[in-house]
């Protein structure tokens, strides 16, 4: 695949996001709320791969207290596998489970005076959406039916860009500092996560200064980045997001878009 050529530029504003309510019943996520102080948006599990009603309520209220942007974290109906197992669904089935989950979080959020602003797939759904244009388009189409305001958070690359154009939905290109990247800028999902803070921070600086990521052939690839995902499932999660916040103060994607459009004056 030919690498897409982008204009080399410095990233002035970028969103930091993390997942919340990655729990169910007595099974609780260890450090997810420790990341909350350092991000500008959160993705709240909707009850399919994780997130029981009380966990969702707690996540919404904590996000409101910290004044961070709230989004829906959708996945396959797979509590036992934590949404990491691929599922072969028809378009109607996929559309329905996305609509169901987004609708649930939208209603839950409104009961606490909140509005969700984005939707991010989880686990196997995220991987499939990063690779499959049609699959990602069905997800994005369901999101758009719920609200024209919602932003689709997808893995940075051509698939996400083309889905945004095809569905006419705002998209946020996402980079994960712990992931390895192919020469074409797509994630190498077969590679193990990087759990070295120094390496990831070096990658962040390169990303902010030059819009580039180190690829798995020891070169650099230009990428689009609107948001950076910070997972709590690596050993250095808290150290990484803490140091990243010292380098740049994140801003939510909608605020970034508003500044670019002249709706608000950037502070």
Protein backbone atom coordinates (compact mmCIF):
# COMPACT_ATOMS: atom_id res chain seq x y z
CA UNK A 1 0.00 0.00 0.00
CA UNK A 2 1.37 3.42 -0.92
CA UNK A 3 1.89 5.72 2.04
CA UNK A 4 -0.38 8.74 2.00
CA UNK A 5 1.58 12.01 1.84
CA UNK A 6 0.52 14.65 4.34
CA UNK A 7 1.84 18.12 4.97
CA UNK A 8 4.34 17.96 7.81
CA UNK A 9 3.01 20.15 10.59
CA UNK A 10 3.13 20.75 14.30
CA UNK A 11 0.15 19.53 16.30
CA UNK A 12 -1.08 22.52 18.30
CA UNK A 13 -4.16 21.01 19.96
CA UNK A 14 -4.93 17.40 20.71
CA UNK A 15 -7.47 15.54 22.82
CA UNK A 16 -6.51 12.88 25.40
CA UNK A 17 -9.13 10.17 25.93
CA UNK A 18 -9.49 7.16 28.23
CA UNK A 19 -12.11 4.50 28.92
CA UNK A 20 -14.32 4.43 32.00
CA UNK A 21 -16.84 1.94 33.47
CA UNK A 22 -14.67 -0.93 32.26
CA UNK A 23 -16.20 -2.97 35.07
CA UNK A 24 -19.14 -5.24 35.70
CA UNK A 25 -20.56 -6.13 39.13
CA UNK A 26 -17.77 -7.19 41.47
CA UNK A 27 -15.20 -7.10 38.67
CA UNK A 28 -13.71 -3.61 38.88
CA UNK A 29 -11.11 -1.75 36.83
CA UNK A 30 -8.08 -0.92 38.93
CA UNK A 31 -6.79 2.50 37.89
CA UNK A 32 -9.20 3.95 35.34
CA UNK A 33 -10.25 6.84 37.58
CA UNK A 34 -6.64 7.76 38.27
CA UNK A 35 -6.35 8.68 34.58
CA UNK A 36 -9.35 10.99 34.75
CA UNK A 37 -7.35 13.96 36.05
CA UNK A 38 -5.18 14.00 32.92
CA UNK A 39 -7.59 13.55 29.99
CA UNK A 40 -10.02 15.86 28.19
CA UNK A 41 -12.56 13.23 27.14
CA UNK A 42 -13.77 9.85 28.37
CA UNK A 43 -15.43 6.86 26.72
CA UNK A 44 -18.01 5.24 28.97
CA UNK A 45 -18.77 1.55 28.49
CA UNK A 46 -22.38 0.94 27.54
CA UNK A 47 -23.12 -2.44 29.15
CA UNK A 48 -22.25 -4.86 26.35
CA UNK A 49 -18.53 -5.60 26.82
CA UNK A 50 -18.49 -3.90 30.26
CA UNK A 51 -20.35 -1.33 32.30
CA UNK A 52 -23.20 -2.25 34.64
CA UNK A 53 -25.72 0.54 35.46
CA UNK A 54 -24.03 1.60 38.70
CA UNK A 55 -20.60 1.70 37.04
CA UNK A 56 -22.02 3.85 34.24
CA UNK A 57 -23.65 6.20 36.74
CA UNK A 58 -20.40 6.57 38.69
CA UNK A 59 -18.44 7.24 35.50
CA UNK A 60 -20.87 9.93 34.35
CA UNK A 61 -20.85 11.70 37.68
CA UNK A 62 -17.07 11.60 38.00
CA UNK A 63 -16.67 12.92 34.47
CA UNK A 64 -19.12 15.71 35.23
CA UNK A 65 -17.21 16.59 38.39
CA UNK A 66 -13.96 16.83 36.42
CA UNK A 67 -15.64 18.74 33.56
CA UNK A 68 -14.40 16.41 30.83
CA UNK A 69 -16.20 15.54 27.60
CA UNK A 70 -18.30 12.37 27.72
CA UNK A 71 -18.60 9.77 24.97
CA UNK A 72 -19.99 6.26 24.47
CA UNK A 73 -17.66 3.25 24.41
CA UNK A 74 -19.45 0.67 22.28
CA UNK A 75 -18.53 -2.97 21.78
CA UNK A 76 -19.78 -6.44 20.97
CA UNK A 77 -22.20 -8.13 23.35
CA UNK A 78 -19.43 -10.14 25.00
CA UNK A 79 -19.10 -9.71 28.77
CA UNK A 80 -17.21 -13.00 29.15
CA UNK A 81 -14.62 -12.06 26.52
CA UNK A 82 -14.53 -8.35 27.44
CA UNK A 83 -15.42 -7.51 23.85
CA UNK A 84 -12.14 -8.86 22.50
CA UNK A 85 -13.69 -11.66 20.43
CA UNK A 86 -14.72 -10.81 16.84
CA UNK A 87 -18.36 -11.39 15.92
CA UNK A 88 -19.82 -11.96 12.46
CA UNK A 89 -22.94 -9.79 12.49
CA UNK A 90 -25.25 -8.71 9.70
CA UNK A 91 -25.42 -5.01 8.91
CA UNK A 92 -28.83 -4.83 10.61
CA UNK A 93 -27.48 -6.51 13.74
CA UNK A 94 -24.44 -4.22 13.88
CA UNK A 95 -26.57 -1.13 13.32
CA UNK A 96 -28.93 -2.22 16.07
CA UNK A 97 -26.31 -2.91 18.75
CA UNK A 98 -24.60 0.42 18.06
CA UNK A 99 -27.89 2.33 18.21
CA UNK A 100 -28.89 0.49 21.40
CA UNK A 101 -25.66 1.32 23.20
CA UNK A 102 -25.41 4.95 22.07
CA UNK A 103 -29.06 5.52 22.94
CA UNK A 104 -28.60 4.07 26.41
CA UNK A 105 -25.66 6.33 27.25
CA UNK A 106 -27.36 9.38 25.71
CA UNK A 107 -30.42 8.89 27.93
CA UNK A 108 -28.33 8.09 31.00
CA UNK A 109 -26.20 11.20 30.46
CA UNK A 110 -29.21 13.48 30.02
CA UNK A 111 -30.55 12.42 33.40
CA UNK A 112 -27.48 14.09 34.92
CA UNK A 113 -27.50 17.17 32.70
CA UNK A 114 -24.84 15.84 30.33
CA UNK A 115 -24.62 15.30 26.57
CA UNK A 116 -22.36 12.77 24.91
CA UNK A 117 -20.16 14.19 22.15
CA UNK A 118 -18.46 11.17 20.60
CA UNK A 119 -18.53 7.40 20.15
CA UNK A 120 -15.49 5.10 20.27
CA UNK A 121 -15.56 1.37 19.43
CA UNK A 122 -13.88 -1.09 21.80
CA UNK A 123 -11.74 -4.18 21.42
CA UNK A 124 -12.54 -6.43 18.48
CA UNK A 125 -15.03 -3.90 17.13
CA UNK A 126 -12.28 -1.25 17.08
CA UNK A 127 -9.88 -3.58 15.26
CA UNK A 128 -12.47 -4.56 12.65
CA UNK A 129 -13.50 -0.93 12.10
CA UNK A 130 -9.87 0.06 11.59
CA UNK A 131 -9.49 -2.46 8.77
CA UNK A 132 -12.91 -2.77 7.12
CA UNK A 133 -14.45 0.28 5.42
CA UNK A 134 -17.92 -1.25 5.10
CA UNK A 135 -17.97 -2.42 8.73
CA UNK A 136 -16.85 1.01 9.95
CA UNK A 137 -19.42 2.71 7.70
CA UNK A 138 -22.27 0.75 9.27
CA UNK A 139 -21.07 1.82 12.73
CA UNK A 140 -20.72 5.44 11.68
CA UNK A 141 -24.12 5.40 9.98
CA UNK A 142 -25.79 4.17 13.17
CA UNK A 143 -24.00 6.85 15.19
CA UNK A 144 -25.11 9.59 12.81
CA UNK A 145 -28.74 8.46 13.08
CA UNK A 146 -28.52 9.00 16.82
CA UNK A 147 -27.23 12.56 16.44
CA UNK A 148 -25.51 14.68 13.80
CA UNK A 149 -23.42 16.19 16.60
CA UNK A 150 -21.64 12.98 17.54
CA UNK A 151 -18.01 12.46 16.51
CA UNK A 152 -16.78 9.04 15.45
CA UNK A 153 -13.45 8.19 17.13
CA UNK A 154 -11.53 5.80 14.88
CA UNK A 155 -7.99 4.59 14.31
CA UNK A 156 -6.04 7.19 12.34
CA UNK A 157 -5.85 6.40 8.65
CA UNK A 158 -7.57 6.20 5.29
CA UNK A 159 -10.46 4.02 6.47
CA UNK A 160 -11.56 6.51 9.12
CA UNK A 161 -11.11 9.45 6.72
CA UNK A 162 -13.14 7.77 3.97
CA UNK A 163 -15.89 6.78 6.41
CA UNK A 164 -16.19 10.40 7.52
CA UNK A 165 -16.61 11.55 3.93
CA UNK A 166 -18.97 8.72 2.94
CA UNK A 167 -21.30 8.97 5.95
CA UNK A 168 -20.84 12.74 6.30
CA UNK A 169 -20.00 12.41 9.98
CA UNK A 170 -17.28 14.27 11.91
CA UNK A 171 -14.40 11.93 12.74
CA UNK A 172 -11.48 12.08 15.14
CA UNK A 173 -8.29 10.33 14.07
CA UNK A 174 -6.91 8.47 17.07
CA UNK A 175 -3.32 7.48 17.88
CA UNK A 176 -2.29 5.04 20.63
CA UNK A 177 1.21 5.63 22.00
CA UNK A 178 1.60 2.01 23.12
CA UNK A 179 0.80 0.57 19.69
CA UNK A 180 3.18 -0.24 16.84
CA UNK A 181 2.41 1.24 13.42
CA UNK A 182 2.84 -0.07 9.89
CA UNK A 183 4.50 1.97 7.16
CA UNK A 184 1.09 3.03 5.83
CA UNK A 185 0.14 4.50 9.23
CA UNK A 186 -2.21 1.72 10.28
CA UNK A 187 -1.88 -0.06 13.63
CA UNK A 188 0.05 -3.33 13.70
CA UNK A 189 -2.42 -5.21 15.89
CA UNK A 190 -0.19 -8.30 15.95
CA UNK A 191 2.60 -6.52 17.83
CA UNK A 192 2.75 -6.41 21.65
CA UNK A 193 1.99 -3.16 23.44
CA UNK A 194 4.92 -0.89 24.26
CA UNK A 195 5.17 -0.47 28.05
CA UNK A 196 8.22 1.79 28.18
CA UNK A 197 7.26 5.33 29.20
CA UNK A 198 10.42 6.92 27.79
CA UNK A 199 9.80 5.37 24.38
CA UNK A 200 6.14 6.43 24.35
CA UNK A 201 6.93 9.99 25.44
CA UNK A 202 9.54 10.24 22.69
CA UNK A 203 6.87 9.11 20.24
CA UNK A 204 4.47 11.72 21.61
CA UNK A 205 6.99 14.51 21.07
CA UNK A 206 7.61 13.35 17.50
CA UNK A 207 3.87 13.24 16.93
CA UNK A 208 3.31 16.76 18.27
CA UNK A 209 6.31 18.30 16.54
CA UNK A 210 6.11 16.60 13.16
CA UNK A 211 2.80 14.67 12.93
CA UNK A 212 4.83 11.48 12.58
CA UNK A 213 4.91 8.07 14.24
CA UNK A 214 7.79 5.62 14.23
CA UNK A 215 6.79 2.68 12.05
CA UNK A 216 7.72 -0.99 12.37
CA UNK A 217 10.37 -0.69 9.65
CA UNK A 218 12.36 1.85 11.72
CA UNK A 219 11.15 4.76 9.63
CA UNK A 220 8.65 7.55 10.26
CA UNK A 221 5.16 7.85 8.85
CA UNK A 222 3.03 10.98 8.65
CA UNK A 223 -0.37 10.61 10.32
CA UNK A 224 -3.44 12.62 11.21
CA UNK A 225 -4.10 12.99 14.94
CA UNK A 226 -7.06 14.57 16.71
CA UNK A 227 -7.04 12.46 19.85
CA UNK A 228 -4.66 10.18 21.74
CA UNK A 229 -6.02 7.17 23.58
CA UNK A 230 -4.57 6.27 26.97
CA UNK A 231 -5.34 2.70 27.96
CA UNK A 232 -5.34 1.60 31.59
CA UNK A 233 -4.40 -1.93 30.59
CA UNK A 234 -0.63 -1.39 30.44
CA UNK A 235 1.68 -1.39 33.46
CA UNK A 236 2.90 2.20 32.97
CA UNK A 237 -0.50 3.73 32.20
CA UNK A 238 -0.55 6.34 34.96
CA UNK A 239 3.09 7.33 34.52
CA UNK A 240 2.59 7.76 30.78
CA UNK A 241 -0.50 9.97 30.93
CA UNK A 242 1.03 12.04 33.75
CA UNK A 243 4.15 12.79 31.74
CA UNK A 244 2.14 13.38 28.57
CA UNK A 245 0.04 16.00 30.37
CA UNK A 246 3.22 17.82 31.38
CA UNK A 247 4.14 18.18 27.69
CA UNK A 248 0.79 19.42 26.37
CA UNK A 249 -2.55 20.32 27.94
CA UNK A 250 -5.20 18.43 25.96
CA UNK A 251 -8.36 19.98 24.55
CA UNK A 252 -11.50 18.16 23.46
CA UNK A 253 -12.09 17.51 19.77
CA UNK A 254 -15.20 19.68 19.56
CA UNK A 255 -13.35 22.60 21.16
CA UNK A 256 -10.51 22.12 18.71
CA UNK A 257 -12.97 22.12 15.80
CA UNK A 258 -14.73 25.20 17.14
CA UNK A 259 -11.43 27.09 17.30
CA UNK A 260 -10.57 26.09 13.74
CA UNK A 261 -13.99 27.25 12.54
CA UNK A 262 -13.81 30.60 14.32
CA UNK A 263 -16.78 29.84 16.58
CA UNK A 264 -14.74 30.56 19.67
CA UNK A 265 -11.53 32.43 20.28
CA UNK A 266 -8.77 30.06 21.30
CA UNK A 267 -7.53 30.63 24.83
